[in-house]
Amino acid sequence: MAMTLFLHDPLEEGRSFDRVALRPLAGGKQAEERIHLLREKIEAPAGAGLVRRPRLDDLVERSLSHFAGTLISGRSGTGKTGLAAQLAERYKKVAWYTLDALDADWGVFKSYFAAAVAVACGGKRRPAKIVCDDHSDSKIAQFLVETFAELPAGPTTKLLIVIDDLHHIFDAPWFGDFFQLLLFSLPSEAHLLLLCRSKPPSPLWRLRSKQVLNVIDERLLAFTGDEAADLLSPAGLSETEIQRAWKDSFGQVSKLAVAPDGR
């Protein structure tokens, strides 16, 4: 079954997909399905007003410069998306893609991924017909070549690709093949940043030992005592209160951020 996909602007608020019902055809076939891509899924969130930590900024920048991909892993509220959003503000070209459970469908995923890269590179967004279940290695490789064809060459055209909430598609049958091929074929002008809440499946996780993928885990994301003081001192907390809030939160930014009101 093929699908025709459109990226609408403006988009209908509050709807994941606007699907046209399938109509039975002669011979047991079905009419193609129309899917409207949501712009909000390929837009980077605002980084303004978020807590900035130079230590993590430098860590991510160094990782991106030495590895094809960087994976940031941590539970909800540990600051993964905020860190990536701040980094994205320093790039002229950002392909951001926020996943949900429906993106485990290969046809949906590849269409959003291609749209995110095309928009970041200033390409035109044309409707595309795709075959949903064809995710062989050769087809994935062909898809990646076509997707990055619009990426201009040169050091001044660096592209940051951010895939947020990667854990939603860990069980997709094409997950391992796609990300291995992506990491090994990523253009030199592109950096890949993956965000997830838990350890990814083995095929991707094993790439750490091949110096292809670097991992920044929850331990590194946690606020240090000095960072907690920088965050909470403007709220008028004493040194003792700051230390108690830091220890109680285990350095988790979502808990530290409400410490002045919840102490």
Protein backbone atom coordinates (compact mmCIF):
# COMPACT_ATOMS: atom_id res chain seq x y z
CA MET A 1 0.00 0.00 0.00
CA ALA A 2 1.30 3.45 -0.87
CA MET A 3 0.70 6.68 0.97
CA THR A 4 0.76 10.25 -0.25
CA LEU A 5 2.09 12.62 2.39
CA PHE A 6 1.70 16.38 2.71
CA LEU A 7 3.27 18.88 5.06
CA HIS A 8 0.58 21.46 5.77
CA ASP A 9 0.96 25.05 6.93
CA PRO A 10 -0.97 26.05 8.95
CA LEU A 11 -1.64 22.67 10.52
CA GLU A 12 -4.67 21.47 12.36
CA GLU A 13 -3.96 21.78 16.06
CA GLY A 14 -4.23 18.77 18.30
CA ARG A 15 -4.29 16.08 15.63
CA SER A 16 -1.47 13.62 15.05
CA PHE A 17 -2.52 12.59 11.56
CA ASP A 18 -5.35 13.44 9.22
CA ARG A 19 -5.97 10.15 7.47
CA VAL A 20 -8.32 9.65 4.56
CA ALA A 21 -10.27 6.40 5.01
CA LEU A 22 -9.21 3.54 2.79
CA ARG A 23 -11.68 2.63 0.07
CA PRO A 24 -11.96 -0.97 -1.15
CA LEU A 25 -10.99 -1.49 -4.78
CA ALA A 26 -11.46 -4.33 -7.20
CA GLY A 27 -9.33 -7.39 -6.54
CA GLY A 28 -9.10 -6.79 -2.79
CA LYS A 29 -6.73 -3.80 -3.13
CA GLN A 30 -7.14 -0.53 -1.29
CA ALA A 31 -6.86 3.09 -2.31
CA GLU A 32 -3.77 4.96 -1.22
CA GLU A 33 -3.85 6.63 2.15
CA ARG A 34 -3.21 10.35 2.63
CA ILE A 35 -1.26 11.45 5.66
CA HIS A 36 -0.74 15.07 6.63
CA LEU A 37 2.59 15.68 8.34
CA LEU A 38 2.54 17.91 11.40
CA ARG A 39 4.93 20.83 11.24
CA GLU A 40 5.28 20.90 15.02
CA LYS A 41 7.01 17.49 14.94
CA ILE A 42 9.86 18.85 12.82
CA GLU A 43 10.31 22.19 14.59
CA ALA A 44 12.95 22.68 17.27
CA PRO A 45 11.58 23.88 20.63
CA ALA A 46 12.69 27.29 21.85
CA GLY A 47 15.91 27.28 23.85
CA ALA A 48 15.40 30.74 25.33
CA GLY A 49 14.85 30.91 29.07
CA LEU A 50 16.31 27.46 29.72
CA VAL A 51 19.10 26.89 32.20
CA ARG A 52 22.44 27.06 30.41
CA ARG A 53 25.34 24.93 31.56
CA PRO A 54 28.62 25.54 29.74
CA ARG A 55 29.97 22.21 30.99
CA LEU A 56 27.34 20.26 29.05
CA ASP A 57 27.45 22.60 26.05
CA ASP A 58 31.19 21.93 25.68
CA LEU A 59 30.72 18.21 26.25
CA VAL A 60 28.12 17.87 23.49
CA GLU A 61 30.06 20.07 21.06
CA ARG A 62 33.21 17.98 21.54
CA SER A 63 31.24 14.79 21.10
CA LEU A 64 29.65 15.97 17.86
CA SER A 65 33.04 16.98 16.49
CA HIS A 66 34.62 13.57 17.18
CA PHE A 67 31.77 11.09 16.57
CA ALA A 68 29.26 10.54 13.78
CA GLY A 69 26.48 10.49 16.35
CA THR A 70 25.87 11.40 19.98
CA LEU A 71 23.18 9.75 22.08
CA ILE A 72 21.89 11.53 25.18
CA SER A 73 20.10 9.12 27.50
CA GLY A 74 18.15 9.99 30.63
CA ARG A 75 14.75 9.81 32.23
CA SER A 76 12.06 12.42 31.66
CA GLY A 77 12.97 15.70 33.33
CA THR A 78 16.75 15.31 33.14
CA GLY A 79 17.14 18.12 30.59
CA LYS A 80 17.85 16.24 27.36
CA THR A 81 15.52 18.23 25.11
CA GLY A 82 16.47 21.55 26.66
CA LEU A 83 20.16 20.87 26.13
CA ALA A 84 19.55 19.94 22.49
CA ALA A 85 17.33 22.99 21.94
CA GLN A 86 20.07 25.30 23.19
CA LEU A 87 22.59 23.62 20.95
CA ALA A 88 20.24 23.94 17.96
CA GLU A 89 20.17 27.71 18.39
CA ARG A 90 23.84 27.81 17.42
CA TYR A 91 23.26 26.08 14.06
CA LYS A 92 21.87 27.71 10.93
CA LYS A 93 20.53 24.40 9.64
CA VAL A 94 18.64 22.16 12.08
CA ALA A 95 16.59 19.10 11.15
CA TRP A 96 14.57 18.37 14.29
CA TYR A 97 12.22 15.41 14.53
CA THR A 98 10.18 14.60 17.66
CA LEU A 99 8.92 11.02 17.67
CA ASP A 100 5.84 9.33 19.06
CA ALA A 101 4.58 5.75 18.89
CA LEU A 102 3.09 6.17 15.40
CA ASP A 103 6.53 6.90 13.98
CA ALA A 104 7.46 3.22 14.33
CA ASP A 105 5.73 2.85 10.94
CA TRP A 106 8.54 2.96 8.38
CA GLY A 107 6.55 5.00 5.88
CA VAL A 108 5.67 7.64 8.46
CA PHE A 109 9.21 7.80 9.87
CA LYS A 110 11.03 8.14 6.57
CA SER A 111 8.62 10.83 5.38
CA TYR A 112 9.06 12.95 8.50
CA PHE A 113 12.83 12.42 8.48
CA ALA A 114 13.11 13.46 4.84
CA ALA A 115 10.84 16.46 5.42
CA ALA A 116 12.89 17.61 8.41
CA VAL A 117 16.14 17.50 6.42
CA ALA A 118 14.55 19.15 3.38
CA VAL A 119 13.10 22.01 5.44
CA ALA A 120 16.43 22.53 7.23
CA CYS A 121 18.24 22.73 3.88
CA GLY A 122 15.68 25.04 2.32
CA GLY A 123 14.36 22.41 -0.08
CA LYS A 124 10.84 22.30 -1.43
CA ARG A 125 8.32 20.08 0.32
CA ARG A 126 6.64 18.03 -2.38
CA PRO A 127 4.11 15.25 -1.80
CA ALA A 128 5.81 11.87 -2.04
CA LYS A 129 4.52 8.38 -2.68
CA ILE A 130 6.16 5.69 -0.61
CA VAL A 131 5.85 1.96 -0.05
CA CYS A 132 5.36 1.48 3.67
CA ASP A 133 6.78 -1.99 4.19
CA ASP A 134 9.92 -1.78 2.04
CA HIS A 135 12.78 -1.23 4.50
CA SER A 136 15.46 -3.51 3.10
CA ASP A 137 19.08 -2.36 3.46
CA SER A 138 19.26 -1.35 -0.19
CA LYS A 139 16.09 0.73 0.04
CA ILE A 140 17.24 2.39 3.25
CA ALA A 141 20.60 3.23 1.64
CA GLN A 142 18.83 4.66 -1.42
CA PHE A 143 16.55 6.70 0.82
CA LEU A 144 19.51 8.19 2.70
CA VAL A 145 21.32 9.11 -0.51
CA GLU A 146 18.22 10.88 -1.82
CA THR A 147 17.54 12.58 1.51
CA PHE A 148 21.01 14.13 1.77
CA ALA A 149 21.24 15.05 -1.91
CA GLU A 150 20.03 18.58 -1.11
CA LEU A 151 22.65 19.14 1.58
CA PRO A 152 25.16 21.73 0.33
CA ALA A 153 28.83 20.89 0.77
CA GLY A 154 31.24 22.99 2.79
CA PRO A 155 32.17 23.70 6.42
CA THR A 156 29.82 26.69 6.66
CA THR A 157 26.73 24.57 5.97
CA LYS A 158 26.83 22.24 8.96
CA LEU A 159 23.54 20.45 9.55
CA LEU A 160 22.43 19.35 13.01
CA ILE A 161 19.99 16.43 12.97
CA VAL A 162 18.13 15.93 16.26
CA ILE A 163 15.83 12.97 16.82
CA ASP A 164 13.98 13.37 20.11
CA ASP A 165 12.13 10.65 22.06
CA LEU A 166 13.95 7.91 20.15
CA HIS A 167 12.69 5.29 22.64
CA HIS A 168 9.28 5.34 20.93
CA ILE A 169 10.66 3.38 17.97
CA PHE A 170 13.10 0.98 19.66
CA ASP A 171 10.86 -1.96 18.71
CA ALA A 172 10.50 -1.00 15.04
CA PRO A 173 11.78 -3.88 12.84
CA TRP A 174 13.90 -1.49 10.77
CA PHE A 175 15.42 0.41 13.74
CA GLY A 176 18.84 -1.24 13.86
CA ASP A 177 19.40 -1.32 10.11
CA PHE A 178 18.41 2.30 9.61
CA PHE A 179 20.55 3.83 12.32
CA GLN A 180 23.62 1.75 11.53
CA LEU A 181 23.41 2.78 7.88
CA LEU A 182 22.71 6.38 8.86
CA LEU A 183 25.70 6.64 11.19
CA PHE A 184 28.12 5.08 8.71
CA SER A 185 26.86 7.13 5.74
CA LEU A 186 26.27 10.47 7.45
CA PRO A 187 27.73 13.33 5.38
CA SER A 188 30.71 15.09 6.93
CA GLU A 189 28.63 18.29 6.97
CA ALA A 190 26.02 16.70 9.25
CA HIS A 191 25.95 15.93 12.99
CA LEU A 192 23.46 13.47 14.52
CA LEU A 193 22.07 13.94 18.03
CA LEU A 194 19.76 11.25 19.45
CA LEU A 195 17.69 11.71 22.62
CA CYS A 196 16.05 8.85 24.50
CA ARG A 197 14.93 7.79 27.97
CA SER A 198 16.56 4.36 28.13
CA LYS A 199 19.31 2.21 26.66
CA PRO A 200 18.69 1.57 22.94
CA PRO A 201 18.67 -1.92 21.37
CA SER A 202 21.98 -3.74 21.00
CA PRO A 203 22.70 -2.97 17.30
CA LEU A 204 22.86 0.75 18.03
CA TRP A 205 24.37 0.40 21.52
CA ARG A 206 27.29 -1.69 20.21
CA LEU A 207 28.41 1.14 17.95
CA ARG A 208 29.96 2.81 21.01
CA SER A 209 32.89 0.38 20.79
CA LYS A 210 33.45 1.27 17.12
CA GLN A 211 34.03 4.96 17.91
CA VAL A 212 30.96 5.85 15.84
CA LEU A 213 28.50 6.68 18.63
CA ASN A 214 29.20 8.53 21.87
CA VAL A 215 26.84 8.31 24.84
CA ILE A 216 26.08 11.03 27.37
CA ASP A 217 24.09 9.42 30.18
CA GLU A 218 21.97 10.64 33.05
CA ARG A 219 24.96 10.73 35.37
CA LEU A 220 26.60 13.40 33.20
CA LEU A 221 23.33 15.30 32.78
CA ALA A 222 22.87 15.72 36.52
CA PHE A 223 23.54 19.15 38.03
CA THR A 224 26.70 19.49 40.04
CA GLY A 225 26.59 21.29 43.39
CA ASP A 226 28.04 24.45 41.83
CA GLU A 227 25.51 24.36 38.96
CA ALA A 228 22.68 23.97 41.46
CA ALA A 229 23.97 27.01 43.35
CA ASP A 230 24.08 29.08 40.15
CA LEU A 231 20.48 28.08 39.45
CA LEU A 232 18.99 28.59 42.91
CA SER A 233 21.01 31.47 44.40
CA PRO A 234 19.02 34.16 42.51
CA ALA A 235 15.87 32.84 44.22
CA GLY A 236 17.29 33.85 47.59
CA LEU A 237 17.96 30.38 48.98
CA SER A 238 20.69 29.95 51.56
CA GLU A 239 23.68 27.70 50.94
CA THR A 240 22.18 25.07 53.26
CA GLU A 241 18.85 25.15 51.43
CA ILE A 242 20.57 24.88 48.07
CA GLN A 243 22.60 21.87 49.18
CA ARG A 244 19.49 20.17 50.57
CA ALA A 245 17.54 20.81 47.36
CA TRP A 246 20.43 19.50 45.27
CA LYS A 247 20.74 16.30 47.29
CA ASP A 248 16.97 15.71 47.37
CA SER A 249 16.70 16.18 43.60
CA PHE A 250 19.73 13.98 42.77
CA GLY A 251 20.74 16.79 40.41
CA GLN A 252 17.63 16.40 38.23
CA VAL A 253 16.82 19.73 36.60
CA SER A 254 13.03 19.32 36.64
CA LYS A 255 13.10 18.93 40.43
CA LEU A 256 15.68 21.63 41.05
CA ALA A 257 13.70 24.13 39.00
CA VAL A 258 10.79 24.03 41.47
CA ALA A 259 12.93 23.99 44.61
CA PRO A 260 12.34 27.68 45.58
CA ASP A 261 8.58 27.08 45.73
CA GLY A 262 8.66 23.59 47.13
CA ARG A 263 11.33 23.73 49.84
